[in-house]
Amino acid sequence: MARISLLLLLGLAALVELVLAGAALAAPAFLMQQFGVRYTSDTAFVAYVLGWLLLFVTLVAGAALVQVWQRRLYFATLCYLLGFWWIGIGIGIYLAFGKADNLLLDSLKGVLLVALTRICQVTRMTNRRY
């Protein structure tokens, strides 16, 4: 059950990150407007870099999804990396800008990812025969 939940969470997270990356690269003015930032020549560079960063996070989430799907032994490394990344982003945005919705979305996603990864590891260890 935990593995299925982990697969669903990773798939949903990768999809959301891919949509945001596509929006940042294909329609940066629209994306910046959604976040309350006026699109100028100065912010165009930030949108471009943000798009590539989001694309990288999408690829990492996709790689973690494949590792969990294939029951790879070291799947937890990427899952923990992503989980703590999202926890840090949520807390950082909340502390810097006071946006509680990012704290809830990103940090909750990260906490769920870390918790599900740990449950999968513990379950895997107890099912293993020595």
N, C-alpha and C. Protein backbone atom coordinates (compact mmCIF):
# COMPACT_ATOMS: atom_id res chain seq x y z
N MET A 1 0.81 -1.20 0.00
CA MET A 1 0.00 0.00 0.00
C MET A 1 0.86 1.27 0.00
N ALA A 2 1.94 1.22 0.79
CA ALA A 2 2.82 2.39 0.86
C ALA A 2 3.53 2.60 -0.48
N ARG A 3 3.90 1.51 -1.14
CA ARG A 3 4.58 1.63 -2.43
C ARG A 3 3.66 2.24 -3.48
N ILE A 4 2.41 1.82 -3.48
CA ILE A 4 1.44 2.37 -4.43
C ILE A 4 1.21 3.86 -4.15
N SER A 5 1.10 4.22 -2.89
CA SER A 5 0.94 5.63 -2.52
C SER A 5 2.16 6.44 -2.93
N LEU A 6 3.34 5.85 -2.74
CA LEU A 6 4.57 6.52 -3.15
C LEU A 6 4.62 6.71 -4.66
N LEU A 7 4.22 5.70 -5.41
CA LEU A 7 4.18 5.82 -6.86
C LEU A 7 3.19 6.90 -7.31
N LEU A 8 2.03 6.93 -6.69
CA LEU A 8 1.03 7.96 -7.03
C LEU A 8 1.54 9.36 -6.70
N LEU A 9 2.15 9.52 -5.53
CA LEU A 9 2.68 10.82 -5.13
C LEU A 9 3.78 11.28 -6.08
N LEU A 10 4.69 10.40 -6.41
CA LEU A 10 5.77 10.76 -7.33
C LEU A 10 5.24 11.08 -8.72
N GLY A 11 4.27 10.32 -9.19
CA GLY A 11 3.68 10.59 -10.50
C GLY A 11 2.97 11.93 -10.54
N LEU A 12 2.19 12.21 -9.52
CA LEU A 12 1.48 13.49 -9.45
C LEU A 12 2.46 14.65 -9.33
N ALA A 13 3.48 14.49 -8.50
CA ALA A 13 4.48 15.55 -8.33
C ALA A 13 5.24 15.80 -9.63
N ALA A 14 5.61 14.73 -10.33
CA ALA A 14 6.32 14.90 -11.60
C ALA A 14 5.43 15.59 -12.63
N LEU A 15 4.16 15.26 -12.64
CA LEU A 15 3.24 15.90 -13.58
C LEU A 15 3.08 17.39 -13.28
N VAL A 16 2.92 17.74 -12.02
CA VAL A 16 2.77 19.15 -11.64
C VAL A 16 4.04 19.93 -11.97
N GLU A 17 5.19 19.35 -11.66
CA GLU A 17 6.46 20.02 -11.96
C GLU A 17 6.65 20.18 -13.47
N LEU A 18 6.23 19.18 -14.25
CA LEU A 18 6.34 19.27 -15.70
C LEU A 18 5.45 20.38 -16.26
N VAL A 19 4.24 20.50 -15.74
CA VAL A 19 3.34 21.56 -16.19
C VAL A 19 3.92 22.93 -15.86
N LEU A 20 4.45 23.08 -14.64
CA LEU A 20 5.06 24.35 -14.26
C LEU A 20 6.30 24.65 -15.10
N ALA A 21 7.12 23.64 -15.38
CA ALA A 21 8.31 23.85 -16.22
C ALA A 21 7.91 24.24 -17.63
N GLY A 22 6.90 23.58 -18.17
CA GLY A 22 6.42 23.94 -19.50
C GLY A 22 5.88 25.35 -19.56
N ALA A 23 5.14 25.73 -18.51
CA ALA A 23 4.62 27.09 -18.47
C ALA A 23 5.75 28.11 -18.35
N ALA A 24 6.77 27.80 -17.56
CA ALA A 24 7.88 28.74 -17.40
C ALA A 24 8.69 28.89 -18.68
N LEU A 25 8.78 27.83 -19.47
CA LEU A 25 9.56 27.90 -20.70
C LEU A 25 8.74 28.36 -21.90
N ALA A 26 7.46 27.98 -21.96
CA ALA A 26 6.64 28.31 -23.12
C ALA A 26 5.85 29.60 -22.95
N ALA A 27 5.38 29.87 -21.74
CA ALA A 27 4.56 31.06 -21.49
C ALA A 27 5.03 31.73 -20.19
N PRO A 28 6.25 32.27 -20.20
CA PRO A 28 6.79 32.83 -18.96
C PRO A 28 6.00 34.03 -18.43
N ALA A 29 5.47 34.85 -19.33
CA ALA A 29 4.72 36.02 -18.87
C ALA A 29 3.46 35.59 -18.11
N PHE A 30 2.78 34.56 -18.61
CA PHE A 30 1.58 34.06 -17.94
C PHE A 30 1.92 33.47 -16.58
N LEU A 31 2.99 32.69 -16.52
CA LEU A 31 3.38 32.07 -15.25
C LEU A 31 3.77 33.12 -14.22
N MET A 32 4.55 34.08 -14.63
CA MET A 32 4.97 35.13 -13.70
C MET A 32 3.76 35.93 -13.20
N GLN A 33 2.81 36.16 -14.08
CA GLN A 33 1.60 36.89 -13.69
C GLN A 33 0.81 36.10 -12.64
N GLN A 34 0.80 34.78 -12.75
CA GLN A 34 0.08 33.94 -11.78
C GLN A 34 0.69 34.03 -10.39
N PHE A 35 1.99 34.28 -10.33
CA PHE A 35 2.67 34.41 -9.05
C PHE A 35 2.78 35.86 -8.59
N GLY A 36 2.15 36.77 -9.32
CA GLY A 36 2.13 38.16 -8.91
C GLY A 36 3.39 38.94 -9.23
N VAL A 37 4.14 38.48 -10.22
CA VAL A 37 5.38 39.15 -10.62
C VAL A 37 5.16 39.79 -11.99
N ARG A 38 5.53 41.06 -12.10
CA ARG A 38 5.40 41.75 -13.38
C ARG A 38 6.50 41.26 -14.32
N TYR A 39 6.12 40.87 -15.51
CA TYR A 39 7.06 40.32 -16.48
C TYR A 39 7.78 41.45 -17.19
N THR A 40 9.07 41.55 -16.96
CA THR A 40 9.92 42.54 -17.63
C THR A 40 11.14 41.82 -18.20
N SER A 41 12.02 42.58 -18.79
CA SER A 41 13.25 41.96 -19.33
C SER A 41 14.12 41.41 -18.20
N ASP A 42 14.03 42.01 -17.02
CA ASP A 42 14.80 41.50 -15.89
C ASP A 42 14.23 40.18 -15.36
N THR A 43 12.93 40.08 -15.31
CA THR A 43 12.31 38.86 -14.79
C THR A 43 12.24 37.76 -15.85
N ALA A 44 12.47 38.07 -17.11
CA ALA A 44 12.46 37.05 -18.16
C ALA A 44 13.59 36.05 -17.93
N PHE A 45 14.73 36.54 -17.50
CA PHE A 45 15.86 35.65 -17.20
C PHE A 45 15.52 34.73 -16.04
N VAL A 46 14.88 35.25 -15.01
CA VAL A 46 14.50 34.45 -13.85
C VAL A 46 13.50 33.37 -14.26
N ALA A 47 12.56 33.71 -15.11
CA ALA A 47 11.57 32.73 -15.58
C ALA A 47 12.25 31.62 -16.38
N TYR A 48 13.23 31.97 -17.19
CA TYR A 48 13.95 30.98 -17.98
C TYR A 48 14.72 30.01 -17.09
N VAL A 49 15.43 30.56 -16.12
CA VAL A 49 16.19 29.72 -15.19
C VAL A 49 15.24 28.86 -14.35
N LEU A 50 14.13 29.43 -13.92
CA LEU A 50 13.14 28.70 -13.15
C LEU A 50 12.57 27.53 -13.97
N GLY A 51 12.33 27.75 -15.24
CA GLY A 51 11.82 26.69 -16.10
C GLY A 51 12.77 25.52 -16.19
N TRP A 52 14.05 25.79 -16.35
CA TRP A 52 15.03 24.71 -16.44
C TRP A 52 15.22 24.02 -15.10
N LEU A 53 15.14 24.77 -14.02
CA LEU A 53 15.24 24.17 -12.68
C LEU A 53 14.05 23.24 -12.43
N LEU A 54 12.87 23.69 -12.80
CA LEU A 54 11.68 22.85 -12.65
C LEU A 54 11.74 21.62 -13.55
N LEU A 55 12.31 21.76 -14.71
CA LEU A 55 12.49 20.62 -15.60
C LEU A 55 13.45 19.60 -15.00
N PHE A 56 14.50 20.08 -14.36
CA PHE A 56 15.44 19.19 -13.68
C PHE A 56 14.76 18.44 -12.54
N VAL A 57 13.96 19.15 -11.75
CA VAL A 57 13.23 18.50 -10.65
C VAL A 57 12.25 17.47 -11.20
N THR A 58 11.64 17.77 -12.34
CA THR A 58 10.75 16.81 -13.00
C THR A 58 11.50 15.54 -13.38
N LEU A 59 12.69 15.71 -13.92
CA LEU A 59 13.49 14.54 -14.31
C LEU A 59 13.91 13.72 -13.10
N VAL A 60 14.26 14.37 -12.01
CA VAL A 60 14.62 13.65 -10.78
C VAL A 60 13.40 12.90 -10.24
N ALA A 61 12.24 13.55 -10.24
CA ALA A 61 11.02 12.88 -9.79
C ALA A 61 10.68 11.70 -10.70
N GLY A 62 10.88 11.86 -11.99
CA GLY A 62 10.65 10.76 -12.93
C GLY A 62 11.62 9.61 -12.70
N ALA A 63 12.88 9.93 -12.44
CA ALA A 63 13.86 8.88 -12.16
C ALA A 63 13.52 8.14 -10.86
N ALA A 64 13.07 8.88 -9.86
CA ALA A 64 12.66 8.25 -8.60
C ALA A 64 11.44 7.36 -8.83
N LEU A 65 10.51 7.83 -9.65
CA LEU A 65 9.32 7.04 -9.97
C LEU A 65 9.70 5.73 -10.65
N VAL A 66 10.62 5.78 -11.58
CA VAL A 66 11.08 4.57 -12.28
C VAL A 66 11.77 3.63 -11.30
N GLN A 67 12.59 4.17 -10.40
CA GLN A 67 13.29 3.32 -9.44
C GLN A 67 12.32 2.62 -8.49
N VAL A 68 11.31 3.35 -8.03
CA VAL A 68 10.31 2.73 -7.15
C VAL A 68 9.52 1.69 -7.93
N TRP A 69 9.14 2.01 -9.16
CA TRP A 69 8.36 1.09 -10.00
C TRP A 69 9.12 -0.22 -10.22
N GLN A 70 10.44 -0.10 -10.47
CA GLN A 70 11.26 -1.28 -10.75
C GLN A 70 11.78 -1.95 -9.48
N ARG A 71 11.38 -1.43 -8.32
CA ARG A 71 11.80 -1.98 -7.02
C ARG A 71 13.32 -2.02 -6.88
N ARG A 72 13.95 -0.96 -7.32
CA ARG A 72 15.41 -0.88 -7.20
C ARG A 72 15.81 -0.80 -5.73
N LEU A 73 16.96 -1.32 -5.41
CA LEU A 73 17.42 -1.38 -4.03
C LEU A 73 17.65 0.01 -3.44
N TYR A 74 18.18 0.93 -4.23
CA TYR A 74 18.53 2.25 -3.73
C TYR A 74 17.55 3.33 -4.17
N PHE A 75 16.28 3.01 -4.22
CA PHE A 75 15.25 3.97 -4.63
C PHE A 75 15.14 5.13 -3.66
N ALA A 76 15.47 4.89 -2.40
CA ALA A 76 15.21 5.88 -1.35
C ALA A 76 16.08 7.13 -1.48
N THR A 77 17.22 7.03 -2.09
CA THR A 77 18.12 8.18 -2.20
C THR A 77 17.44 9.35 -2.90
N LEU A 78 16.89 9.12 -4.07
CA LEU A 78 16.22 10.19 -4.80
C LEU A 78 14.93 10.63 -4.10
N CYS A 79 14.24 9.69 -3.49
CA CYS A 79 13.00 10.05 -2.79
C CYS A 79 13.29 10.96 -1.61
N TYR A 80 14.31 10.62 -0.83
CA TYR A 80 14.67 11.49 0.30
C TYR A 80 15.16 12.85 -0.19
N LEU A 81 15.95 12.84 -1.25
CA LEU A 81 16.44 14.10 -1.82
C LEU A 81 15.29 15.01 -2.21
N LEU A 82 14.33 14.48 -2.94
CA LEU A 82 13.16 15.26 -3.34
C LEU A 82 12.32 15.69 -2.15
N GLY A 83 12.12 14.79 -1.21
CA GLY A 83 11.31 15.11 -0.03
C GLY A 83 11.89 16.26 0.77
N PHE A 84 13.17 16.18 1.07
CA PHE A 84 13.79 17.27 1.84
C PHE A 84 13.91 18.55 1.02
N TRP A 85 14.04 18.43 -0.31
CA TRP A 85 14.05 19.59 -1.20
C TRP A 85 12.72 20.34 -1.08
N TRP A 86 11.60 19.60 -1.17
CA TRP A 86 10.29 20.23 -1.10
C TRP A 86 9.97 20.75 0.29
N ILE A 87 10.42 20.08 1.32
CA ILE A 87 10.23 20.59 2.68
C ILE A 87 10.96 21.92 2.82
N GLY A 88 12.19 21.97 2.34
CA GLY A 88 12.98 23.21 2.41
C GLY A 88 12.38 24.34 1.62
N ILE A 89 11.87 24.04 0.43
CA ILE A 89 11.24 25.08 -0.40
C ILE A 89 10.00 25.63 0.31
N GLY A 90 9.17 24.76 0.84
CA GLY A 90 7.96 25.21 1.52
C GLY A 90 8.26 26.08 2.72
N ILE A 91 9.19 25.65 3.55
CA ILE A 91 9.56 26.43 4.73
C ILE A 91 10.22 27.73 4.32
N GLY A 92 11.11 27.68 3.33
CA GLY A 92 11.81 28.89 2.88
C GLY A 92 10.87 29.93 2.31
N ILE A 93 9.93 29.52 1.49
CA ILE A 93 8.97 30.48 0.92
C ILE A 93 8.08 31.05 2.01
N TYR A 94 7.70 30.22 2.96
CA TYR A 94 6.87 30.72 4.06
C TYR A 94 7.63 31.75 4.90
N LEU A 95 8.87 31.45 5.24
CA LEU A 95 9.65 32.37 6.07
C LEU A 95 10.01 33.66 5.32
N ALA A 96 10.31 33.55 4.04
CA ALA A 96 10.72 34.72 3.28
C ALA A 96 9.54 35.57 2.82
N PHE A 97 8.43 34.93 2.44
CA PHE A 97 7.33 35.67 1.84
C PHE A 97 6.00 35.52 2.58
N GLY A 98 5.94 34.66 3.57
CA GLY A 98 4.73 34.49 4.36
C GLY A 98 3.59 33.80 3.62
N LYS A 99 3.91 33.01 2.61
CA LYS A 99 2.86 32.33 1.84
C LYS A 99 2.63 30.94 2.44
N ALA A 100 1.53 30.83 3.17
CA ALA A 100 1.22 29.58 3.85
C ALA A 100 0.80 28.48 2.87
N ASP A 101 0.26 28.85 1.72
CA ASP A 101 -0.16 27.82 0.77
C ASP A 101 1.03 27.03 0.25
N ASN A 102 2.17 27.69 0.02
CA ASN A 102 3.38 26.97 -0.40
C ASN A 102 3.91 26.09 0.72
N LEU A 103 3.81 26.59 1.95
CA LEU A 103 4.24 25.78 3.08
C LEU A 103 3.42 24.51 3.13
N LEU A 104 2.13 24.65 2.96
CA LEU A 104 1.25 23.49 3.02
C LEU A 104 1.48 22.55 1.84
N LEU A 105 1.52 23.08 0.63
CA LEU A 105 1.66 22.22 -0.56
C LEU A 105 3.03 21.55 -0.64
N ASP A 106 4.09 22.34 -0.64
CA ASP A 106 5.42 21.78 -0.84
C ASP A 106 5.90 20.99 0.36
N SER A 107 5.76 21.55 1.56
CA SER A 107 6.26 20.85 2.74
C SER A 107 5.45 19.60 3.02
N LEU A 108 4.14 19.66 2.83
CA LEU A 108 3.33 18.46 3.03
C LEU A 108 3.69 17.38 2.02
N LYS A 109 3.92 17.80 0.78
CA LYS A 109 4.35 16.85 -0.25
C LYS A 109 5.69 16.22 0.14
N GLY A 110 6.60 17.04 0.65
CA GLY A 110 7.90 16.52 1.07
C GLY A 110 7.81 15.59 2.27
N VAL A 111 7.00 15.97 3.25
CA VAL A 111 6.84 15.12 4.44
C VAL A 111 6.21 13.78 4.05
N LEU A 112 5.19 13.82 3.20
CA LEU A 112 4.57 12.58 2.73
C LEU A 112 5.58 11.71 1.98
N LEU A 113 6.40 12.33 1.16
CA LEU A 113 7.38 11.58 0.39
C LEU A 113 8.41 10.92 1.31
N VAL A 114 8.90 11.65 2.30
CA VAL A 114 9.87 11.10 3.23
C VAL A 114 9.23 9.98 4.05
N ALA A 115 8.02 10.21 4.54
CA ALA A 115 7.35 9.20 5.36
C ALA A 115 7.05 7.93 4.57
N LEU A 116 6.52 8.08 3.35
CA LEU A 116 6.22 6.90 2.54
C LEU A 116 7.48 6.15 2.15
N THR A 117 8.55 6.88 1.88
CA THR A 117 9.82 6.23 1.56
C THR A 117 10.32 5.42 2.74
N ARG A 118 10.22 5.99 3.93
CA ARG A 118 10.67 5.29 5.14
C ARG A 118 9.82 4.04 5.38
N ILE A 119 8.52 4.17 5.21
CA ILE A 119 7.63 3.01 5.39
C ILE A 119 7.99 1.91 4.39
N CYS A 120 8.25 2.30 3.15
CA CYS A 120 8.63 1.31 2.13
C CYS A 120 9.94 0.63 2.49
N GLN A 121 10.87 1.38 3.03
CA GLN A 121 12.15 0.79 3.43
C GLN A 121 11.97 -0.18 4.59
N VAL A 122 11.21 0.21 5.59
CA VAL A 122 10.98 -0.66 6.75
C VAL A 122 10.25 -1.93 6.33
N THR A 123 9.24 -1.77 5.48
CA THR A 123 8.48 -2.92 4.99
C THR A 123 9.39 -3.85 4.19
N ARG A 124 10.25 -3.27 3.42
CA ARG A 124 11.16 -4.07 2.59
C ARG A 124 12.13 -4.85 3.47
N MET A 125 12.59 -4.21 4.56
CA MET A 125 13.54 -4.87 5.45
C MET A 125 12.88 -6.03 6.20
N THR A 126 11.63 -5.85 6.62
CA THR A 126 10.97 -6.92 7.37
C THR A 126 10.54 -8.07 6.45
N ASN A 127 10.35 -7.81 5.19
CA ASN A 127 9.97 -8.87 4.24
C ASN A 127 11.16 -9.65 3.71
N ARG A 128 12.34 -9.10 3.88
CA ARG A 128 13.55 -9.75 3.36
C ARG A 128 13.90 -10.97 4.22
N ARG A 129 14.27 -12.05 3.59
CA ARG A 129 14.69 -13.25 4.32
C ARG A 129 16.20 -13.29 4.34
N TYR A 130 16.72 -13.68 5.49
CA TYR A 130 18.18 -13.76 5.64
C TYR A 130 18.65 -15.18 5.64
